[in-house]
């Protein structure tokens, strides 16, 4: 599985995304502000991570009014891709959320 394509969905100036890219030089960065996240990937991520996928501590979240916050997560993330917790890393048919030691070990150990 080590030859599987690695795609990192995040922001080019996000510190966590930069750390992940440095550790995963083979990964392709998809800047979610420019390109968004494909709907099938978002659906799979929501099924796997649920509410953890929406970063409710972000500046973007704090700027939303209550009616926008009440929007279904899929539509909310499509309208405001920077709301997604980052990075979202896809490798083969597996998804990883965030960059921590556990994710680094899982991805570097393959």
PDB file of N, CA and C in Angstrom:
ATOM      1  N   UNK A   1       0.817  -1.199   0.000  1.00  0.00           N
ATOM      2  CA  UNK A   1       0.000   0.000   0.000  1.00  0.00           C
ATOM      3  C   UNK A   1       0.862   1.265   0.000  1.00  0.00           C
ATOM      4  N   UNK A   2       2.159   1.139   0.142  1.00  0.00           N
ATOM      5  CA  UNK A   2       3.043   2.296   0.245  1.00  0.00           C
ATOM      6  C   UNK A   2       3.103   3.113  -1.033  1.00  0.00           C
ATOM      7  N   UNK A   3       2.694   2.539  -2.156  1.00  0.00           N
ATOM      8  CA  UNK A   3       2.730   3.286  -3.399  1.00  0.00           C
ATOM      9  C   UNK A   3       1.408   3.992  -3.697  1.00  0.00           C
ATOM     10  N   UNK A   4       0.433   3.890  -2.783  1.00  0.00           N
ATOM     11  CA  UNK A   4      -0.840   4.579  -2.975  1.00  0.00           C
ATOM     12  C   UNK A   4      -0.632   6.084  -2.990  1.00  0.00           C
ATOM     13  N   UNK A   5      -1.423   6.732  -3.817  1.00  0.00           N
ATOM     14  CA  UNK A   5      -1.386   8.184  -3.915  1.00  0.00           C
ATOM     15  C   UNK A   5      -1.871   8.798  -2.600  1.00  0.00           C
ATOM     16  N   UNK A   6      -1.186   9.831  -2.152  1.00  0.00           N
ATOM     17  CA  UNK A   6      -1.573  10.535  -0.940  1.00  0.00           C
ATOM     18  C   UNK A   6      -2.019  11.934  -1.329  1.00  0.00           C
ATOM     19  N   UNK A   7      -3.246  12.281  -0.936  1.00  0.00           N
ATOM     20  CA  UNK A   7      -3.776  13.612  -1.204  1.00  0.00           C
ATOM     21  C   UNK A   7      -4.071  14.276   0.124  1.00  0.00           C
ATOM     22  N   UNK A   8      -3.555  15.488   0.270  1.00  0.00           N
ATOM     23  CA  UNK A   8      -3.740  16.254   1.495  1.00  0.00           C
ATOM     24  C   UNK A   8      -4.664  17.421   1.167  1.00  0.00           C
ATOM     25  N   UNK A   9      -5.837  17.427   1.781  1.00  0.00           N
ATOM     26  CA  UNK A   9      -6.784  18.527   1.604  1.00  0.00           C
ATOM     27  C   UNK A   9      -6.574  19.497   2.754  1.00  0.00           C
ATOM     28  N   UNK A  10      -6.225  20.721   2.430  1.00  0.00           N
ATOM     29  CA  UNK A  10      -5.959  21.711   3.461  1.00  0.00           C
ATOM     30  C   UNK A  10      -5.740  23.079   2.859  1.00  0.00           C
ATOM     31  N   UNK A  11      -4.938  23.865   3.543  1.00  0.00           N
ATOM     32  CA  UNK A  11      -4.598  25.217   3.091  1.00  0.00           C
ATOM     33  C   UNK A  11      -3.086  25.340   3.011  1.00  0.00           C
ATOM     34  N   UNK A  12      -2.606  26.002   1.961  1.00  0.00           N
ATOM     35  CA  UNK A  12      -1.152  26.087   1.781  1.00  0.00           C
ATOM     36  C   UNK A  12      -0.458  26.865   2.900  1.00  0.00           C
ATOM     37  N   UNK A  13      -1.162  27.770   3.594  1.00  0.00           N
ATOM     38  CA  UNK A  13      -0.514  28.486   4.687  1.00  0.00           C
ATOM     39  C   UNK A  13      -0.987  28.036   6.068  1.00  0.00           C
ATOM     40  N   UNK A  14      -1.495  26.823   6.174  1.00  0.00           N
ATOM     41  CA  UNK A  14      -1.875  26.225   7.455  1.00  0.00           C
ATOM     42  C   UNK A  14      -0.650  25.514   8.029  1.00  0.00           C
ATOM     43  N   UNK A  15      -0.305  25.806   9.277  1.00  0.00           N
ATOM     44  CA  UNK A  15       0.876  25.200   9.894  1.00  0.00           C
ATOM     45  C   UNK A  15       0.791  23.674   9.950  1.00  0.00           C
ATOM     46  N   UNK A  16      -0.356  23.139  10.326  1.00  0.00           N
ATOM     47  CA  UNK A  16      -0.505  21.684  10.398  1.00  0.00           C
ATOM     48  C   UNK A  16      -0.352  21.049   9.022  1.00  0.00           C
ATOM     49  N   UNK A  17      -0.886  21.714   8.009  1.00  0.00           N
ATOM     50  CA  UNK A  17      -0.776  21.182   6.639  1.00  0.00           C
ATOM     51  C   UNK A  17       0.681  21.207   6.178  1.00  0.00           C
ATOM     52  N   UNK A  18       1.395  22.281   6.512  1.00  0.00           N
ATOM     53  CA  UNK A  18       2.814  22.370   6.135  1.00  0.00           C
ATOM     54  C   UNK A  18       3.632  21.276   6.812  1.00  0.00           C
ATOM     55  N   UNK A  19       3.365  21.011   8.088  1.00  0.00           N
ATOM     56  CA  UNK A  19       4.073  19.937   8.799  1.00  0.00           C
ATOM     57  C   UNK A  19       3.798  18.586   8.146  1.00  0.00           C
ATOM     58  N   UNK A  20       2.535  18.355   7.791  1.00  0.00           N
ATOM     59  CA  UNK A  20       2.174  17.090   7.153  1.00  0.00           C
ATOM     60  C   UNK A  20       2.852  16.962   5.789  1.00  0.00           C
ATOM     61  N   UNK A  21       2.884  18.036   5.020  1.00  0.00           N
ATOM     62  CA  UNK A  21       3.533  17.998   3.701  1.00  0.00           C
ATOM     63  C   UNK A  21       5.030  17.755   3.814  1.00  0.00           C
ATOM     64  N   UNK A  22       5.639  18.329   4.832  1.00  0.00           N
ATOM     65  CA  UNK A  22       7.076  18.126   5.030  1.00  0.00           C
ATOM     66  C   UNK A  22       7.359  16.656   5.339  1.00  0.00           C
ATOM     67  N   UNK A  23       6.496  16.039   6.133  1.00  0.00           N
ATOM     68  CA  UNK A  23       6.673  14.632   6.502  1.00  0.00           C
ATOM     69  C   UNK A  23       6.228  13.679   5.387  1.00  0.00           C
ATOM     70  N   UNK A  24       5.378  14.174   4.495  1.00  0.00           N
ATOM     71  CA  UNK A  24       4.847  13.348   3.403  1.00  0.00           C
ATOM     72  C   UNK A  24       5.163  14.016   2.061  1.00  0.00           C
ATOM     73  N   UNK A  25       6.428  14.031   1.654  1.00  0.00           N
ATOM     74  CA  UNK A  25       6.802  14.751   0.434  1.00  0.00           C
ATOM     75  C   UNK A  25       6.121  14.224  -0.824  1.00  0.00           C
ATOM     76  N   UNK A  26       5.620  12.987  -0.787  1.00  0.00           N
ATOM     77  CA  UNK A  26       4.936  12.419  -1.947  1.00  0.00           C
ATOM     78  C   UNK A  26       3.489  12.911  -2.052  1.00  0.00           C
ATOM     79  N   UNK A  27       2.990  13.573  -1.022  1.00  0.00           N
ATOM     80  CA  UNK A  27       1.592  13.999  -1.002  1.00  0.00           C
ATOM     81  C   UNK A  27       1.339  15.167  -1.941  1.00  0.00           C
ATOM     82  N   UNK A  28       0.154  15.169  -2.495  1.00  0.00           N
ATOM     83  CA  UNK A  28      -0.292  16.275  -3.340  1.00  0.00           C
ATOM     84  C   UNK A  28      -1.210  17.147  -2.486  1.00  0.00           C
ATOM     85  N   UNK A  29      -0.915  18.438  -2.398  1.00  0.00           N
ATOM     86  CA  UNK A  29      -1.757  19.365  -1.641  1.00  0.00           C
ATOM     87  C   UNK A  29      -2.884  19.868  -2.529  1.00  0.00           C
ATOM     88  N   UNK A  30      -4.096  19.746  -2.030  1.00  0.00           N
ATOM     89  CA  UNK A  30      -5.256  20.351  -2.671  1.00  0.00           C
ATOM     90  C   UNK A  30      -5.685  21.480  -1.744  1.00  0.00           C
ATOM     91  N   UNK A  31      -5.464  22.717  -2.184  1.00  0.00           N
ATOM     92  CA  UNK A  31      -5.855  23.879  -1.374  1.00  0.00           C
ATOM     93  C   UNK A  31      -7.374  24.009  -1.459  1.00  0.00           C
ATOM     94  N   UNK A  32      -8.036  23.809  -0.328  1.00  0.00           N
ATOM     95  CA  UNK A  32      -9.497  23.762  -0.337  1.00  0.00           C
ATOM     96  C   UNK A  32     -10.126  25.108  -0.659  1.00  0.00           C
ATOM     97  N   UNK A  33      -9.412  26.198  -0.417  1.00  0.00           N
ATOM     98  CA  UNK A  33      -9.966  27.508  -0.789  1.00  0.00           C
ATOM     99  C   UNK A  33     -10.004  27.678  -2.298  1.00  0.00           C
ATOM    100  N   UNK A  34      -9.006  27.128  -2.983  1.00  0.00           N
ATOM    101  CA  UNK A  34      -8.933  27.252  -4.445  1.00  0.00           C
ATOM    102  C   UNK A  34      -9.730  26.173  -5.167  1.00  0.00           C
ATOM    103  N   UNK A  35      -9.618  24.935  -4.680  1.00  0.00           N
ATOM    104  CA  UNK A  35     -10.173  23.795  -5.416  1.00  0.00           C
ATOM    105  C   UNK A  35     -11.354  23.113  -4.736  1.00  0.00           C
ATOM    106  N   UNK A  36     -11.544  23.374  -3.441  1.00  0.00           N
ATOM    107  CA  UNK A  36     -12.598  22.687  -2.704  1.00  0.00           C
ATOM    108  C   UNK A  36     -12.242  21.232  -2.464  1.00  0.00           C
ATOM    109  N   UNK A  37     -13.142  20.526  -1.843  1.00  0.00           N
ATOM    110  CA  UNK A  37     -12.985  19.090  -1.591  1.00  0.00           C
ATOM    111  C   UNK A  37     -14.070  18.389  -2.404  1.00  0.00           C
ATOM    112  N   UNK A  38     -13.698  17.386  -3.186  1.00  0.00           N
ATOM    113  CA  UNK A  38     -14.722  16.678  -3.970  1.00  0.00           C
ATOM    114  C   UNK A  38     -15.832  16.142  -3.056  1.00  0.00           C
ATOM    115  N   UNK A  39     -17.052  16.263  -3.510  1.00  0.00           N
ATOM    116  CA  UNK A  39     -18.207  15.845  -2.699  1.00  0.00           C
ATOM    117  C   UNK A  39     -18.092  14.402  -2.186  1.00  0.00           C
ATOM    118  N   UNK A  40     -17.660  13.438  -3.023  1.00  0.00           N
ATOM    119  CA  UNK A  40     -17.545  12.066  -2.498  1.00  0.00           C
ATOM    120  C   UNK A  40     -16.544  11.961  -1.335  1.00  0.00           C
ATOM    121  N   UNK A  41     -15.462  12.731  -1.395  1.00  0.00           N
ATOM    122  CA  UNK A  41     -14.473  12.720  -0.309  1.00  0.00           C
ATOM    123  C   UNK A  41     -15.089  13.329   0.947  1.00  0.00           C
ATOM    124  N   UNK A  42     -15.812  14.443   0.784  1.00  0.00           N
ATOM    125  CA  UNK A  42     -16.475  15.070   1.932  1.00  0.00           C
ATOM    126  C   UNK A  42     -17.498  14.130   2.557  1.00  0.00           C
ATOM    127  N   UNK A  43     -18.271  13.456   1.726  1.00  0.00           N
ATOM    128  CA  UNK A  43     -19.279  12.526   2.243  1.00  0.00           C
ATOM    129  C   UNK A  43     -18.630  11.400   3.028  1.00  0.00           C
ATOM    130  N   UNK A  44     -17.540  10.868   2.501  1.00  0.00           N
ATOM    131  CA  UNK A  44     -16.826   9.790   3.185  1.00  0.00           C
ATOM    132  C   UNK A  44     -16.233  10.296   4.508  1.00  0.00           C
ATOM    133  N   UNK A  45     -15.673  11.513   4.487  1.00  0.00           N
ATOM    134  CA  UNK A  45     -15.078  12.088   5.693  1.00  0.00           C
ATOM    135  C   UNK A  45     -16.149  12.351   6.754  1.00  0.00           C
ATOM    136  N   UNK A  46     -17.292  12.860   6.341  1.00  0.00           N
ATOM    137  CA  UNK A  46     -18.374  13.097   7.301  1.00  0.00           C
ATOM    138  C   UNK A  46     -18.875  11.795   7.904  1.00  0.00           C
ATOM    139  N   UNK A  47     -18.954  10.749   7.081  1.00  0.00           N
ATOM    140  CA  UNK A  47     -19.391   9.446   7.585  1.00  0.00           C
ATOM    141  C   UNK A  47     -18.388   8.900   8.606  1.00  0.00           C
ATOM    142  N   UNK A  48     -17.107   9.141   8.364  1.00  0.00           N
ATOM    143  CA  UNK A  48     -16.069   8.603   9.246  1.00  0.00           C
ATOM    144  C   UNK A  48     -15.842   9.464  10.487  1.00  0.00           C
ATOM    145  N   UNK A  49     -15.818  10.800  10.316  1.00  0.00           N
ATOM    146  CA  UNK A  49     -15.422  11.684  11.415  1.00  0.00           C
ATOM    147  C   UNK A  49     -16.573  12.473  12.034  1.00  0.00           C
ATOM    148  N   UNK A  50     -17.718  12.519  11.360  1.00  0.00           N
ATOM    149  CA  UNK A  50     -18.883  13.231  11.905  1.00  0.00           C
ATOM    150  C   UNK A  50     -18.581  14.690  12.191  1.00  0.00           C
ATOM    151  N   UNK A  51     -19.063  15.158  13.341  1.00  0.00           N
ATOM    152  CA  UNK A  51     -18.927  16.568  13.721  1.00  0.00           C
ATOM    153  C   UNK A  51     -17.482  17.024  13.871  1.00  0.00           C
ATOM    154  N   UNK A  52     -16.556  16.093  14.083  1.00  0.00           N
ATOM    155  CA  UNK A  52     -15.147  16.483  14.233  1.00  0.00           C
ATOM    156  C   UNK A  52     -14.586  17.115  12.966  1.00  0.00           C
ATOM    157  N   UNK A  53     -15.242  16.895  11.824  1.00  0.00           N
ATOM    158  CA  UNK A  53     -14.752  17.432  10.557  1.00  0.00           C
ATOM    159  C   UNK A  53     -14.918  18.950  10.479  1.00  0.00           C
ATOM    160  N   UNK A  54     -15.895  19.492  11.196  1.00  0.00           N
ATOM    161  CA  UNK A  54     -16.131  20.941  11.183  1.00  0.00           C
ATOM    162  C   UNK A  54     -15.350  21.568  12.328  1.00  0.00           C
ATOM    163  N   UNK A  55     -14.472  22.510  11.989  1.00  0.00           N
ATOM    164  CA  UNK A  55     -13.646  23.184  12.986  1.00  0.00           C
ATOM    165  C   UNK A  55     -14.429  24.349  13.584  1.00  0.00           C
ATOM    166  N   UNK A  56     -15.052  24.105  14.728  1.00  0.00           N
ATOM    167  CA  UNK A  56     -15.879  25.128  15.368  1.00  0.00           C
ATOM    168  C   UNK A  56     -15.051  26.118  16.176  1.00  0.00           C
ATOM    169  N   UNK A  57     -13.729  25.976  16.142  1.00  0.00           N
ATOM    170  CA  UNK A  57     -12.857  26.930  16.828  1.00  0.00           C
ATOM    171  C   UNK A  57     -12.212  27.908  15.848  1.00  0.00           C
ATOM    172  N   UNK A  58     -12.573  27.801  14.570  1.00  0.00           N
ATOM    173  CA  UNK A  58     -11.929  28.617  13.547  1.00  0.00           C
ATOM    174  C   UNK A  58     -12.526  30.028  13.469  1.00  0.00           C
ATOM    175  N   UNK A  59     -11.750  30.918  12.899  1.00  0.00           N
ATOM    176  CA  UNK A  59     -12.197  32.285  12.650  1.00  0.00           C
ATOM    177  C   UNK A  59     -13.403  32.272  11.718  1.00  0.00           C
ATOM    178  N   UNK A  60     -13.375  31.396  10.728  1.00  0.00           N
ATOM    179  CA  UNK A  60     -14.494  31.297   9.784  1.00  0.00           C
ATOM    180  C   UNK A  60     -15.784  30.952  10.524  1.00  0.00           C
ATOM    181  N   UNK A  61     -15.714  29.976  11.437  1.00  0.00           N
ATOM    182  CA  UNK A  61     -16.893  29.572  12.213  1.00  0.00           C
ATOM    183  C   UNK A  61     -17.416  30.739  13.037  1.00  0.00           C
ATOM    184  N   UNK A  62     -16.518  31.442  13.707  1.00  0.00           N
ATOM    185  CA  UNK A  62     -16.940  32.560  14.559  1.00  0.00           C
ATOM    186  C   UNK A  62     -17.592  33.676  13.748  1.00  0.00           C
ATOM    187  N   UNK A  63     -17.265  33.758  12.457  1.00  0.00           N
ATOM    188  CA  UNK A  63     -17.844  34.777  11.599  1.00  0.00           C
ATOM    189  C   UNK A  63     -19.215  34.423  11.043  1.00  0.00           C
ATOM    190  N   UNK A  64     -19.655  33.184  11.259  1.00  0.00           N
ATOM    191  CA  UNK A  64     -20.961  32.754  10.742  1.00  0.00           C
ATOM    192  C   UNK A  64     -22.082  33.115  11.712  1.00  0.00           C
ATOM    193  N   UNK A  65     -23.242  33.457  11.159  1.00  0.00           N
ATOM    194  CA  UNK A  65     -24.393  33.691  12.029  1.00  0.00           C
ATOM    195  C   UNK A  65     -25.039  32.349  12.387  1.00  0.00           C
ATOM    196  N   UNK A  66     -25.993  32.396  13.292  1.00  0.00           N
ATOM    197  CA  UNK A  66     -26.615  31.159  13.792  1.00  0.00           C
ATOM    198  C   UNK A  66     -27.294  30.357  12.683  1.00  0.00           C
ATOM    199  N   UNK A  67     -27.926  31.029  11.722  1.00  0.00           N
ATOM    200  CA  UNK A  67     -28.605  30.282  10.665  1.00  0.00           C
ATOM    201  C   UNK A  67     -27.593  29.549   9.778  1.00  0.00           C
ATOM    202  N   UNK A  68     -26.441  30.169   9.525  1.00  0.00           N
ATOM    203  CA  UNK A  68     -25.401  29.502   8.729  1.00  0.00           C
ATOM    204  C   UNK A  68     -24.824  28.314   9.502  1.00  0.00           C
ATOM    205  N   UNK A  69     -24.636  28.485  10.800  1.00  0.00           N
ATOM    206  CA  UNK A  69     -24.100  27.394  11.624  1.00  0.00           C
ATOM    207  C   UNK A  69     -25.047  26.206  11.681  1.00  0.00           C
ATOM    208  N   UNK A  70     -26.341  26.459  11.488  1.00  0.00           N
ATOM    209  CA  UNK A  70     -27.341  25.395  11.543  1.00  0.00           C
ATOM    210  C   UNK A  70     -27.443  24.620  10.228  1.00  0.00           C
ATOM    211  N   UNK A  71     -26.719  25.057   9.205  1.00  0.00           N
ATOM    212  CA  UNK A  71     -26.734  24.390   7.908  1.00  0.00           C
ATOM    213  C   UNK A  71     -26.148  22.983   8.050  1.00  0.00           C
ATOM    214  N   UNK A  72     -26.648  22.061   7.242  1.00  0.00           N
ATOM    215  CA  UNK A  72     -26.123  20.692   7.254  1.00  0.00           C
ATOM    216  C   UNK A  72     -24.616  20.722   6.987  1.00  0.00           C
ATOM    217  N   UNK A  73     -23.827  19.904   7.698  1.00  0.00           N
ATOM    218  CA  UNK A  73     -22.367  19.958   7.570  1.00  0.00           C
ATOM    219  C   UNK A  73     -21.842  19.844   6.138  1.00  0.00           C
ATOM    220  N   UNK A  74     -22.445  18.992   5.313  1.00  0.00           N
ATOM    221  CA  UNK A  74     -21.967  18.826   3.946  1.00  0.00           C
ATOM    222  C   UNK A  74     -22.087  20.140   3.174  1.00  0.00           C
ATOM    223  N   UNK A  75     -23.244  20.777   3.250  1.00  0.00           N
ATOM    224  CA  UNK A  75     -23.451  22.046   2.547  1.00  0.00           C
ATOM    225  C   UNK A  75     -22.571  23.143   3.142  1.00  0.00           C
ATOM    226  N   UNK A  76     -22.439  23.142   4.454  1.00  0.00           N
ATOM    227  CA  UNK A  76     -21.618  24.142   5.134  1.00  0.00           C
ATOM    228  C   UNK A  76     -20.158  24.051   4.682  1.00  0.00           C
ATOM    229  N   UNK A  77     -19.633  22.832   4.614  1.00  0.00           N
ATOM    230  CA  UNK A  77     -18.237  22.643   4.199  1.00  0.00           C
ATOM    231  C   UNK A  77     -18.032  22.925   2.712  1.00  0.00           C
ATOM    232  N   UNK A  78     -19.054  22.692   1.918  1.00  0.00           N
ATOM    233  CA  UNK A  78     -18.927  23.029   0.505  1.00  0.00           C
ATOM    234  C   UNK A  78     -18.934  24.549   0.309  1.00  0.00           C
ATOM    235  N   UNK A  79     -19.747  25.246   1.088  1.00  0.00           N
ATOM    236  CA  UNK A  79     -19.819  26.703   0.982  1.00  0.00           C
ATOM    237  C   UNK A  79     -18.613  27.384   1.629  1.00  0.00           C
ATOM    238  N   UNK A  80     -18.087  26.790   2.694  1.00  0.00           N
ATOM    239  CA  UNK A  80     -16.968  27.367   3.453  1.00  0.00           C
ATOM    240  C   UNK A  80     -15.912  26.293   3.690  1.00  0.00           C
ATOM    241  N   UNK A  81     -15.127  25.941   2.658  1.00  0.00           N
ATOM    242  CA  UNK A  81     -14.178  24.829   2.802  1.00  0.00           C
ATOM    243  C   UNK A  81     -13.117  25.055   3.883  1.00  0.00           C
ATOM    244  N   UNK A  82     -12.829  26.305   4.226  1.00  0.00           N
ATOM    245  CA  UNK A  82     -11.839  26.572   5.272  1.00  0.00           C
ATOM    246  C   UNK A  82     -12.345  26.161   6.658  1.00  0.00           C
ATOM    247  N   UNK A  83     -13.628  25.836   6.774  1.00  0.00           N
ATOM    248  CA  UNK A  83     -14.191  25.364   8.045  1.00  0.00           C
ATOM    249  C   UNK A  83     -13.769  23.944   8.388  1.00  0.00           C
ATOM    250  N   UNK A  84     -13.261  23.230   7.403  1.00  0.00           N
ATOM    251  CA  UNK A  84     -12.882  21.838   7.627  1.00  0.00           C
ATOM    252  C   UNK A  84     -11.641  21.762   8.514  1.00  0.00           C
ATOM    253  N   UNK A  85     -11.683  20.853   9.465  1.00  0.00           N
ATOM    254  CA  UNK A  85     -10.480  20.601  10.262  1.00  0.00           C
ATOM    255  C   UNK A  85      -9.411  20.102   9.311  1.00  0.00           C
ATOM    256  N   UNK A  86      -8.187  20.556   9.521  1.00  0.00           N
ATOM    257  CA  UNK A  86      -7.114  20.261   8.573  1.00  0.00           C
ATOM    258  C   UNK A  86      -5.928  19.606   9.281  1.00  0.00           C
ATOM    259  N   UNK A  87      -5.179  18.900   8.473  1.00  0.00           N
ATOM    260  CA  UNK A  87      -5.470  18.449   7.118  1.00  0.00           C
ATOM    261  C   UNK A  87      -6.372  17.216   7.122  1.00  0.00           C
ATOM    262  N   UNK A  88      -7.047  17.041   6.005  1.00  0.00           N
ATOM    263  CA  UNK A  88      -7.759  15.797   5.729  1.00  0.00           C
ATOM    264  C   UNK A  88      -6.884  15.081   4.718  1.00  0.00           C
ATOM    265  N   UNK A  89      -6.400  13.901   5.084  1.00  0.00           N
ATOM    266  CA  UNK A  89      -5.448  13.180   4.246  1.00  0.00           C
ATOM    267  C   UNK A  89      -6.111  11.907   3.726  1.00  0.00           C
ATOM    268  N   UNK A  90      -6.052  11.746   2.417  1.00  0.00           N
ATOM    269  CA  UNK A  90      -6.601  10.552   1.783  1.00  0.00           C
ATOM    270  C   UNK A  90      -5.450   9.721   1.228  1.00  0.00           C
ATOM    271  N   UNK A  91      -5.417   8.453   1.607  1.00  0.00           N
ATOM    272  CA  UNK A  91      -4.425   7.523   1.082  1.00  0.00           C
ATOM    273  C   UNK A  91      -5.147   6.230   0.758  1.00  0.00           C
ATOM    274  N   UNK A  92      -5.203   5.921  -0.521  1.00  0.00           N
ATOM    275  CA  UNK A  92      -5.985   4.764  -0.927  1.00  0.00           C
ATOM    276  C   UNK A  92      -7.430   4.982  -0.539  1.00  0.00           C
ATOM    277  N   UNK A  93      -8.014   4.033   0.169  1.00  0.00           N
ATOM    278  CA  UNK A  93      -9.401   4.181   0.603  1.00  0.00           C
ATOM    279  C   UNK A  93      -9.503   4.587   2.075  1.00  0.00           C
ATOM    280  N   UNK A  94      -8.410   5.066   2.654  1.00  0.00           N
ATOM    281  CA  UNK A  94      -8.384   5.480   4.064  1.00  0.00           C
ATOM    282  C   UNK A  94      -8.310   6.991   4.180  1.00  0.00           C
ATOM    283  N   UNK A  95      -8.950   7.533   5.201  1.00  0.00           N
ATOM    284  CA  UNK A  95      -8.896   8.961   5.498  1.00  0.00           C
ATOM    285  C   UNK A  95      -8.328   9.167   6.887  1.00  0.00           C
ATOM    286  N   UNK A  96      -7.581  10.249   7.035  1.00  0.00           N
ATOM    287  CA  UNK A  96      -6.991  10.642   8.312  1.00  0.00           C
ATOM    288  C   UNK A  96      -7.332  12.108   8.527  1.00  0.00           C
ATOM    289  N   UNK A  97      -7.650  12.482   9.756  1.00  0.00           N
ATOM    290  CA  UNK A  97      -8.024  13.863  10.051  1.00  0.00           C
ATOM    291  C   UNK A  97      -7.058  14.457  11.061  1.00  0.00           C
ATOM    292  N   UNK A  98      -6.476  15.591  10.684  1.00  0.00           N
ATOM    293  CA  UNK A  98      -5.530  16.266  11.565  1.00  0.00           C
ATOM    294  C   UNK A  98      -4.139  15.691  11.400  1.00  0.00           C
ATOM    295  N   UNK A  99      -3.171  16.370  11.985  1.00  0.00           N
ATOM    296  CA  UNK A  99      -1.791  15.899  11.914  1.00  0.00           C
ATOM    297  C   UNK A  99      -1.257  15.756  13.326  1.00  0.00           C
ATOM    298  N   UNK A 100      -1.089  14.520  13.753  1.00  0.00           N
ATOM    299  CA  UNK A 100      -0.529  14.227  15.071  1.00  0.00           C
ATOM    300  C   UNK A 100       0.377  13.009  14.942  1.00  0.00           C
ATOM    301  N   UNK A 101       0.964  12.598  16.035  1.00  0.00           N
ATOM    302  CA  UNK A 101       1.911  11.483  16.013  1.00  0.00           C
ATOM    303  C   UNK A 101       1.251  10.199  15.502  1.00  0.00           C
ATOM    304  N   UNK A 102       0.018   9.971  15.898  1.00  0.00           N
ATOM    305  CA  UNK A 102      -0.688   8.752  15.477  1.00  0.00           C
ATOM    306  C   UNK A 102      -0.886   8.728  13.955  1.00  0.00           C
ATOM    307  N   UNK A 103      -1.295   9.859  13.392  1.00  0.00           N
ATOM    308  CA  UNK A 103      -1.484   9.949  11.937  1.00  0.00           C
ATOM    309  C   UNK A 103      -0.146   9.803  11.226  1.00  0.00           C
ATOM    310  N   UNK A 104       0.877  10.478  11.743  1.00  0.00           N
ATOM    311  CA  UNK A 104       2.212  10.400  11.126  1.00  0.00           C
ATOM    312  C   UNK A 104       2.713   8.966  11.121  1.00  0.00           C
ATOM    313  N   UNK A 105       2.551   8.263  12.241  1.00  0.00           N
ATOM    314  CA  UNK A 105       2.989   6.865  12.324  1.00  0.00           C
ATOM    315  C   UNK A 105       2.210   5.980  11.335  1.00  0.00           C
ATOM    316  N   UNK A 106       0.911   6.190  11.268  1.00  0.00           N
ATOM    317  CA  UNK A 106       0.073   5.384  10.374  1.00  0.00           C
ATOM    318  C   UNK A 106       0.490   5.591   8.909  1.00  0.00           C
ATOM    319  N   UNK A 107       0.759   6.825   8.529  1.00  0.00           N
ATOM    320  CA  UNK A 107       1.078   7.123   7.142  1.00  0.00           C
ATOM    321  C   UNK A 107       2.522   6.790   6.782  1.00  0.00           C
ATOM    322  N   UNK A 108       3.425   6.997   7.697  1.00  0.00           N
ATOM    323  CA  UNK A 108       4.824   6.705   7.410  1.00  0.00           C
ATOM    324  C   UNK A 108       5.151   5.226   7.554  1.00  0.00           C
ATOM    325  N   UNK A 109       4.294   4.510   8.265  1.00  0.00           N
ATOM    326  CA  UNK A 109       4.510   3.094   8.479  1.00  0.00           C
ATOM    327  C   UNK A 109       3.997   2.223   7.336  1.00  0.00           C
ATOM    328  N   UNK A 110       3.342   2.826   6.379  1.00  0.00           N
ATOM    329  CA  UNK A 110       2.774   2.041   5.271  1.00  0.00           C
ATOM    330  C   UNK A 110       3.756   1.888   4.147  1.00  0.00           C
TER     331      UNK A 110
END
